[in-house]
């Protein structure tokens, strides 16, 4: 595991198998689309434990490809260090089109 910059912590992110949305591992061992709901690992041992919990969700076919996301703690919330993860946390960068819609949204 790569070392984070000083003051950084980790959360586990994955994609939900049904639907593909970005999700974060919660303290209860479930998955939530909100980064604020993610459980935070402040050291390497805890980060590895969270990844092991996430792998059980892979085996249960709930999520795919869990991995650690480095955050810088900011008050009660965290800010992802990488641009990619900031984009993933905020949601799609293009409009989501309803497959059942008869016309495009205006």
Protein backbone atom coordinates (compact mmCIF):
# COMPACT_ATOMS: atom_id res chain seq x y z
CA UNK A 1 0.00 0.00 0.00
CA UNK A 2 1.35 3.40 -0.92
CA UNK A 3 1.97 5.91 1.83
CA UNK A 4 -0.42 8.84 1.91
CA UNK A 5 0.65 12.39 2.43
CA UNK A 6 0.81 13.50 6.06
CA UNK A 7 -2.62 13.82 7.64
CA UNK A 8 -4.32 11.61 5.04
CA UNK A 9 -6.70 8.79 5.92
CA UNK A 10 -8.36 6.10 3.80
CA UNK A 11 -11.85 4.92 2.97
CA UNK A 12 -12.83 1.97 0.79
CA UNK A 13 -14.66 2.64 -2.46
CA UNK A 14 -16.11 0.25 -5.02
CA UNK A 15 -18.87 0.10 -7.61
CA UNK A 16 -22.18 -1.55 -6.84
CA UNK A 17 -22.56 -4.62 -9.05
CA UNK A 18 -26.23 -3.89 -9.76
CA UNK A 19 -26.26 -0.45 -11.37
CA UNK A 20 -22.58 0.44 -11.21
CA UNK A 21 -22.85 3.43 -8.88
CA UNK A 22 -19.91 4.52 -6.76
CA UNK A 23 -20.27 3.36 -3.15
CA UNK A 24 -18.26 3.58 0.07
CA UNK A 25 -17.88 1.01 2.85
CA UNK A 26 -19.74 2.01 6.03
CA UNK A 27 -18.94 1.19 9.65
CA UNK A 28 -21.74 -1.40 9.62
CA UNK A 29 -20.09 -3.22 6.71
CA UNK A 30 -22.67 -2.04 4.19
CA UNK A 31 -22.30 0.28 1.22
CA UNK A 32 -23.52 3.84 0.79
CA UNK A 33 -23.33 6.27 -2.13
CA UNK A 34 -22.35 9.11 0.22
CA UNK A 35 -18.68 9.68 0.98
CA UNK A 36 -19.78 11.18 4.31
CA UNK A 37 -21.15 7.75 5.34
CA UNK A 38 -17.82 5.98 4.76
CA UNK A 39 -15.87 4.53 7.64
CA UNK A 40 -12.39 6.02 7.92
CA UNK A 41 -9.15 4.09 8.42
CA UNK A 42 -6.53 6.22 10.09
CA UNK A 43 -3.72 3.67 9.81
CA UNK A 44 -2.51 0.92 7.50
CA UNK A 45 -3.74 -1.96 9.69
CA UNK A 46 -7.28 -0.57 9.77
CA UNK A 47 -7.20 0.09 6.02
CA UNK A 48 -6.23 -3.53 5.35
CA UNK A 49 -9.00 -4.74 7.67
CA UNK A 50 -11.56 -2.64 5.78
CA UNK A 51 -10.34 -4.05 2.46
CA UNK A 52 -10.84 -7.57 3.83
CA UNK A 53 -14.42 -6.66 4.80
CA UNK A 54 -14.95 -5.27 1.30
CA UNK A 55 -13.67 -8.49 -0.29
CA UNK A 56 -16.50 -10.37 1.45
CA UNK A 57 -18.92 -8.09 -0.41
CA UNK A 58 -17.18 -8.98 -3.67
CA UNK A 59 -17.65 -12.68 -2.89
CA UNK A 60 -21.33 -11.96 -2.17
CA UNK A 61 -21.57 -10.18 -5.55
CA UNK A 62 -22.62 -6.86 -4.06
CA UNK A 63 -19.71 -4.74 -5.34
CA UNK A 64 -16.74 -4.97 -7.68
CA UNK A 65 -13.14 -3.80 -7.42
CA UNK A 66 -12.91 -2.29 -3.92
CA UNK A 67 -9.85 -0.14 -3.27
CA UNK A 68 -8.54 2.46 -0.87
CA UNK A 69 -9.18 6.15 -1.46
CA UNK A 70 -6.91 8.64 0.29
CA UNK A 71 -8.64 11.59 1.95
CA UNK A 72 -7.46 14.66 3.74
CA UNK A 73 -9.66 15.18 6.78
CA UNK A 74 -11.45 18.53 6.79
CA UNK A 75 -13.60 18.97 9.89
CA UNK A 76 -16.19 16.20 9.98
CA UNK A 77 -15.80 15.43 6.27
CA UNK A 78 -12.93 14.32 4.10
CA UNK A 79 -11.74 15.58 0.74
CA UNK A 80 -10.32 13.01 -1.71
CA UNK A 81 -6.71 13.76 -2.62
CA UNK A 82 -7.01 12.88 -6.30
CA UNK A 83 -9.11 14.68 -8.90
CA UNK A 84 -10.46 11.34 -10.11
CA UNK A 85 -11.82 10.53 -6.66
CA UNK A 86 -13.30 14.01 -6.18
CA UNK A 87 -15.22 13.50 -9.45
CA UNK A 88 -16.34 9.99 -8.41
CA UNK A 89 -17.55 11.32 -5.05
CA UNK A 90 -19.66 14.08 -6.61
CA UNK A 91 -21.38 11.87 -9.20
CA UNK A 92 -21.52 11.67 -12.99
CA UNK A 93 -20.12 14.55 -15.02
CA UNK A 94 -22.76 14.08 -17.71
CA UNK A 95 -26.54 14.02 -17.48
CA UNK A 96 -28.04 10.64 -16.71
CA UNK A 97 -30.65 9.77 -19.32
CA UNK A 98 -33.67 7.70 -18.37
CA UNK A 99 -33.74 4.73 -20.75
CA UNK A 100 -37.54 4.79 -20.62
CA UNK A 101 -37.83 8.49 -21.49
CA UNK A 102 -39.42 9.42 -24.79
CA UNK A 103 -37.27 12.53 -25.18
CA UNK A 104 -34.01 13.95 -23.87
CA UNK A 105 -34.16 16.23 -20.83
CA UNK A 106 -34.04 19.92 -21.67
